[in-house]
Protein backbone atom coordinates (compact mmCIF):
# COMPACT_ATOMS: atom_id res chain seq x y z
CA CYS A 1 64.39 127.35 109.74
CA PRO A 2 65.97 123.92 109.04
CA ARG A 3 64.49 121.99 106.12
CA LEU A 4 65.61 118.56 107.33
CA TYR A 5 65.18 116.96 110.76
CA VAL A 6 66.44 113.59 111.92
CA VAL A 7 64.94 112.14 115.12
CA SER A 8 66.93 109.32 116.70
CA LEU A 9 66.27 106.90 119.54
CA GLY A 10 68.80 104.15 120.02
CA ASP A 11 69.41 102.50 116.65
CA GLN A 12 66.22 103.91 115.10
CA ARG A 13 66.06 107.12 113.08
CA VAL A 14 63.18 108.99 111.45
CA ARG A 15 63.91 111.53 108.70
CA LEU A 16 61.51 114.48 108.36
CA GLU A 17 61.93 116.79 105.38
CA ARG A 18 59.97 119.99 104.84
CA ALA A 19 58.10 120.08 101.55
CA GLY A 20 59.49 122.26 98.77
CA SER A 21 62.75 122.39 96.92
CA ALA A 22 65.84 123.96 98.45
CA ALA A 23 66.49 125.59 95.09
CA GLN A 24 64.01 128.35 95.86
CA HIS A 25 66.38 129.62 98.57
CA THR A 26 69.64 129.55 96.64
CA ALA A 27 69.34 132.21 93.95
CA ALA A 28 72.39 134.42 93.74
CA PRO A 29 72.05 138.20 94.13
CA THR A 30 71.43 139.84 90.77
CA ALA A 31 73.64 142.88 91.34
CA ALA A 32 76.93 143.57 93.07
CA GLU A 33 75.35 145.85 95.64
CA SER A 34 74.46 145.61 99.30
CA VAL A 35 71.32 143.61 99.91
CA VAL A 36 69.06 145.38 102.41
CA THR A 37 66.24 143.51 104.14
CA PRO A 38 63.97 146.00 105.93
CA ALA A 39 62.30 145.04 109.20
CA THR A 40 58.97 144.96 107.34
CA ALA A 41 60.23 142.65 104.57
CA GLY A 42 60.15 138.87 104.47
CA ALA A 43 57.32 136.54 105.38
CA TRP A 44 57.29 135.00 108.84
CA HIS A 45 56.87 131.23 108.91
CA THR A 46 56.65 128.68 111.71
CA GLY A 47 59.69 126.48 112.26
CA ARG A 48 61.09 124.18 114.93
CA ALA A 49 59.36 124.19 118.34
CA GLY A 50 56.72 126.64 117.07
CA MET A 51 59.18 129.52 116.66
CA ALA A 52 58.54 132.15 113.96
CA TYR A 53 61.35 132.69 111.42
CA ARG A 54 62.11 135.45 108.90
CA ASP A 55 64.95 135.27 106.36
CA LEU A 56 67.40 138.18 106.46
CA ILE A 57 69.64 137.32 103.48
CA PRO A 58 67.80 137.07 100.15
CA GLY A 59 69.09 134.07 98.20
CA ARG A 60 71.00 132.80 101.25
CA ARG A 61 74.23 133.44 99.32
CA GLN A 62 73.66 130.43 97.04
CA GLY A 63 73.01 128.22 100.04
CA ARG A 64 76.23 129.08 101.85
CA VAL A 65 74.67 130.90 104.80
CA ILE A 66 71.30 131.68 106.37
CA ALA A 67 70.47 134.55 108.72
CA SER A 68 67.15 134.30 110.53
CA HIS A 69 65.21 136.74 112.67
CA ILE A 70 63.43 134.45 115.17
CA ARG A 71 60.71 135.41 117.60
CA ILE A 72 58.42 133.87 120.21
CA PRO A 73 55.62 136.35 121.06
CA GLU A 74 54.26 134.52 124.13
CA GLY A 75 56.62 133.53 126.91
CA GLY A 76 56.73 130.37 128.97
CA PRO A 77 58.13 126.86 128.45
CA VAL A 78 59.36 126.19 124.90
CA PRO A 79 58.40 122.76 123.42
CA ASP A 80 61.99 122.06 122.42
CA TYR A 81 64.10 118.90 122.81
CA VAL A 82 67.79 118.06 123.03
CA HIS A 83 69.17 118.36 119.51
CA PHE A 84 72.22 119.33 117.47
CA HIS A 85 73.04 120.70 114.03
CA HIS A 86 75.43 119.60 111.30
CA VAL A 87 76.87 123.06 110.69
CA ALA A 88 80.23 124.67 110.09
CA PHE A 89 79.25 127.87 111.92
CA GLN A 90 76.28 128.95 114.04
CA ILE A 91 75.60 131.83 116.43
CA ILE A 92 72.60 133.09 118.39
CA PHE A 93 72.34 136.77 119.36
CA CYS A 94 69.60 137.91 121.74
CA VAL A 95 67.86 141.08 120.51
CA ARG A 96 64.89 141.37 122.88
CA GLY A 97 63.51 139.48 125.85
CA ARG A 98 65.14 136.68 127.81
CA VAL A 99 65.62 133.00 127.04
CA ARG A 100 66.79 130.11 129.24
CA VAL A 101 68.94 127.53 127.47
CA VAL A 102 71.17 124.58 128.31
CA TYR A 103 74.23 123.23 126.45
CA GLU A 104 76.22 120.03 126.50
CA ASP A 105 79.30 120.18 128.79
CA GLN A 106 78.53 123.77 129.86
CA GLY A 107 76.96 123.16 133.27
CA PRO A 108 73.52 124.29 134.49
CA PRO A 109 71.02 126.18 132.30
CA PHE A 110 71.62 129.91 131.91
CA VAL A 111 69.65 132.94 130.72
CA MET A 112 70.47 135.01 127.65
CA GLU A 113 69.50 138.68 127.75
CA PRO A 114 69.60 141.45 125.10
CA GLY A 115 73.10 141.81 123.68
CA ASP A 116 74.19 138.33 124.79
CA CYS A 117 75.63 136.00 122.15
CA VAL A 118 76.29 132.26 121.95
CA LEU A 119 78.57 130.45 119.53
CA GLN A 120 77.14 126.96 118.99
CA PRO A 121 80.04 124.78 117.78
CA PRO A 122 79.30 121.98 115.30
CA GLN A 123 77.13 119.23 116.80
CA ILE A 124 77.01 120.54 120.38
CA ARG A 125 73.80 119.26 122.01
CA HIS A 126 71.50 121.96 123.34
CA ARG A 127 67.92 122.83 124.21
CA VAL A 128 65.75 125.93 124.60
CA LEU A 129 63.85 125.66 127.89
CA GLU A 130 61.73 128.78 128.36
CA CYS A 131 61.53 132.43 127.42
CA SER A 132 59.92 135.73 128.25
CA ASP A 133 57.19 137.39 126.21
CA GLY A 134 58.44 139.02 123.05
CA LEU A 135 61.66 137.06 122.66
CA GLU A 136 63.62 137.96 119.51
CA VAL A 137 66.99 136.55 118.44
CA VAL A 138 69.13 136.56 115.32
CA GLU A 139 70.55 133.19 114.27
CA ILE A 140 73.23 132.81 111.59
CA SER A 141 74.24 129.38 110.27
CA ALA A 142 76.50 128.04 107.54
CA PRO A 143 75.62 126.26 105.38
CA ALA A 144 72.01 127.36 104.94
CA GLU A 145 70.70 123.82 104.47
CA HIS A 146 71.83 121.61 107.34
CA ARG A 147 70.57 118.64 109.28
CA THR A 148 68.97 119.08 112.71
CA ILE A 149 69.09 115.86 114.74
CA ALA A 150 67.19 115.12 117.96
CA ASP A 151 69.19 113.28 120.61
CA ARG A 152 66.76 111.46 122.89
CA SER A 153 69.58 109.60 124.65
CA LEU A 154 71.18 112.64 126.35
CA ALA A 155 69.68 114.57 129.26
CA LEU A 156 70.89 118.12 129.77
CA PRO A 157 72.62 119.35 131.78
CA ASN A 158 74.96 116.39 131.61
CA ALA A 159 76.78 115.29 134.74
CA GLU A 160 80.36 116.15 133.80
CA PRO A 161 80.92 119.71 132.47
CA ASP A 162 83.90 120.15 130.17
CA ARG A 163 83.87 123.83 129.29
CA GLY A 164 87.16 123.69 127.40
CA ARG A 165 86.03 120.93 125.02
CA GLU A 166 86.30 121.48 121.28
CA TYR A 167 83.58 120.50 118.81
CA GLY A 168 84.79 120.31 115.24
CA GLY A 169 87.75 122.50 116.15
CA GLN A 170 85.60 125.19 117.82
CA ARG A 171 84.90 126.10 121.44
CA PHE A 172 81.57 127.11 122.96
CA VAL A 173 81.24 130.83 123.69
CA PHE A 174 78.71 132.61 125.89
CA HIS A 175 79.31 136.36 125.60
CA ARG A 176 77.48 138.46 128.19
CA ALA A 177 76.68 142.01 127.14
CA SER A 178 76.90 143.13 130.77
CA ARG A 179 80.60 142.18 130.75
CA ALA A 180 81.44 143.55 127.31
CA ARG A 181 84.66 145.50 126.89
CA TRP A 182 84.23 148.52 124.64
CA VAL A 183 87.15 150.11 122.78
CA SER A 184 87.48 152.87 120.22
CA GLY A 185 85.87 151.89 116.93
CA PRO A 186 86.98 152.11 113.31
CA ALA A 187 85.75 155.71 112.92
CA ALA A 188 85.49 158.75 115.18
CA GLY A 189 82.50 158.57 117.50
CA TRP A 190 82.21 154.76 117.28
CA GLU A 191 82.91 152.03 119.83
CA ILE A 192 83.28 148.30 119.22
CA SER A 193 82.88 145.20 121.40
CA ASN A 194 84.26 141.79 120.39
CA THR A 195 82.45 138.64 121.55
CA GLY A 196 85.45 136.30 121.19
CA VAL A 197 83.85 134.24 118.43
CA ASP A 198 86.80 134.89 116.09
CA GLU A 199 89.26 133.27 118.49
CA ALA A 200 86.96 130.35 119.34
CA THR A 201 86.45 129.49 115.64
CA GLY A 202 90.07 129.90 114.59
CA GLY A 203 89.17 132.88 112.41
CA LEU A 204 86.28 131.25 110.55
CA GLY A 205 83.77 133.78 111.87
CA SER A 206 83.54 136.93 113.95
CA VAL A 207 80.78 138.65 115.90
CA THR A 208 81.11 142.25 117.03
CA VAL A 209 78.78 145.01 118.17
CA LEU A 210 79.33 148.57 116.95
CA ARG A 211 77.71 151.63 118.47
CA SER A 212 77.98 155.32 117.72
CA ALA A 213 77.29 158.34 119.81
CA ALA A 214 75.39 161.32 118.46
CA GLY A 215 77.58 162.94 115.82
CA GLY A 216 79.47 159.76 114.98
CA GLN A 217 81.39 159.95 111.71
CA PRO A 218 80.42 157.94 108.59
CA LEU A 219 81.78 154.40 108.75
CA ARG A 220 83.18 152.60 105.70
CA LEU A 221 82.39 148.87 105.64
CA THR A 222 83.78 146.17 103.37
CA ALA A 223 83.48 142.38 103.24
CA GLY A 224 86.83 141.61 101.65
CA ASP A 225 86.74 138.02 100.41
CA GLY A 226 84.02 136.83 102.78
CA LEU A 227 80.55 137.68 104.08
CA SER A 228 79.74 140.79 106.09
CA PHE A 229 76.24 140.77 107.62
CA GLN A 230 74.78 143.60 109.70
CA PHE A 231 71.61 143.87 111.81
CA VAL A 232 70.48 147.19 113.27
CA LEU A 233 69.91 146.78 117.01
CA GLY A 234 68.92 150.38 117.71
CA GLY A 235 68.97 153.93 116.41
CA ALA A 236 68.95 154.92 112.76
CA GLY A 237 71.27 155.73 109.89
CA ARG A 238 71.80 155.72 106.13
CA LEU A 239 73.61 153.24 103.91
CA GLN A 240 75.14 154.30 100.58
CA THR A 241 76.98 152.34 97.88
CA PRO A 242 79.44 153.53 95.21
CA ALA A 243 76.73 152.81 92.64
CA GLY A 244 74.54 155.52 94.16
CA ARG A 245 72.04 153.38 96.06
CA ASP A 246 70.81 154.90 99.31
CA TRP A 247 68.76 153.30 102.10
CA ALA A 248 67.36 154.64 105.38
CA LEU A 249 68.01 152.13 108.18
CA GLY A 250 66.22 151.55 111.46
CA PRO A 251 65.86 148.86 114.14
CA CYS A 252 65.69 145.26 112.85
CA ASP A 253 66.77 146.23 109.32
CA ALA A 254 69.56 144.00 108.00
CA PHE A 255 72.06 144.31 105.18
CA VAL A 256 74.91 142.38 103.56
CA VAL A 257 78.05 143.95 102.14
CA PRO A 258 79.06 142.01 99.00
CA ARG A 259 82.61 141.00 98.24
CA ASP A 260 85.01 143.78 97.28
CA VAL A 261 82.36 146.53 97.57
CA ASP A 262 82.76 149.39 100.05
CA VAL A 263 79.64 150.92 101.57
CA LEU A 264 79.26 154.03 103.69
CA LEU A 265 77.18 153.89 106.88
CA THR A 266 76.20 157.25 108.38
CA PRO A 267 74.58 157.17 111.83
CA GLY A 268 71.52 159.27 112.57
CA SER A 269 71.47 162.22 114.90
CA ALA A 270 70.90 160.01 117.94
CA GLY A 271 73.48 157.40 116.90
CA MET A 272 72.95 153.70 116.21
CA GLU A 273 73.94 150.21 117.38
CA LEU A 274 74.82 147.43 114.98
CA LEU A 275 75.41 143.68 115.19
CA ARG A 276 78.09 142.68 112.68
CA VAL A 277 78.90 139.08 111.70
CA GLY A 278 81.73 138.15 109.38
CA LEU A 279 82.40 134.79 107.73
CA SER A 280 85.60 134.10 105.87
CA GLN A 281 84.18 131.33 103.65
CA ALA A 282 80.55 132.27 103.01
CA GLY A 283 80.60 135.35 100.79
C-alpha cells in the first residue's frame, strides 16, 4: 500500500502522506535464510480505493521492494481514479476472481482473470474499474516507498492507442494465461511459462509460472545477485535450506530466496503451481 499520494488538478497539487515512519518497513532480514510468509501471517490493512493489503516480504528488503497480497471481497465498481506510480518496476498478477482495468495507450478496458499478469511500466496512467467477488492479486513494486499521483486531466481510455510506446525504457505487457506457452521446466516433472516481462524491461525483472505434475522432482532455486520471490498459486510442497530449515508450503504462502543461497523445493504428491518474480537490482 503506497504511503504517499499526490493528487493533481491543473497547476494545483495536494500531498497526502500516511501517518507513521517508513523506517518500520525497512529492517533487513536478520539471517541469511529464505524468508517464508505463510498465508495466515501478516495483518491486512486498508489501502487505496478501499482495497485490503498484506505484506509478503518482511522488511521489504531495506525498502528496495514491496510484495503485496491484495484482495477485494465484494465485487462491483471499484472507487478508483486515473493515477500513476513513480516506480522502477511494477507487476500485477491475478490470483483469484476477475478485474476490469484500463491503461493509457492500450485501447479499451480489458478483464484480467486468474493467471493473467500485467507489467505496469513507470508512470503509465491506469485505473481499476470493477471486479468480481473475491478478487485477489499479487502486486510487486520497486522501490517499496513510491509516489502515487492522481491524474484528473486524463480520461481513459485515451483516444489514440500507442501499444508500442515505451515508458521509462519499458513496454506495457498484458500476459493472458489462456495463451501461455508451456515448456519443459528446470527439473524433471516441471513446466514453465514466461510472461515476457524480462524482454519488456530489458532484463530488469522477470515473471514466470512454474508447475509440477504429481511426482515432480525437487527443484533447486537460487537468487544469484538479485531478488527471487515466490508465491504458491496451488498445490503443496516443502522448502528446505542448507542451514536445515524446513517449511511446509500451501496456497498463498510466499517466500524469498536470499542472495547466494540455494534452496530445495519439493512438490507434494499432487504437485504445485508457483508464481516466480525475479529482480536484478532489488536483492
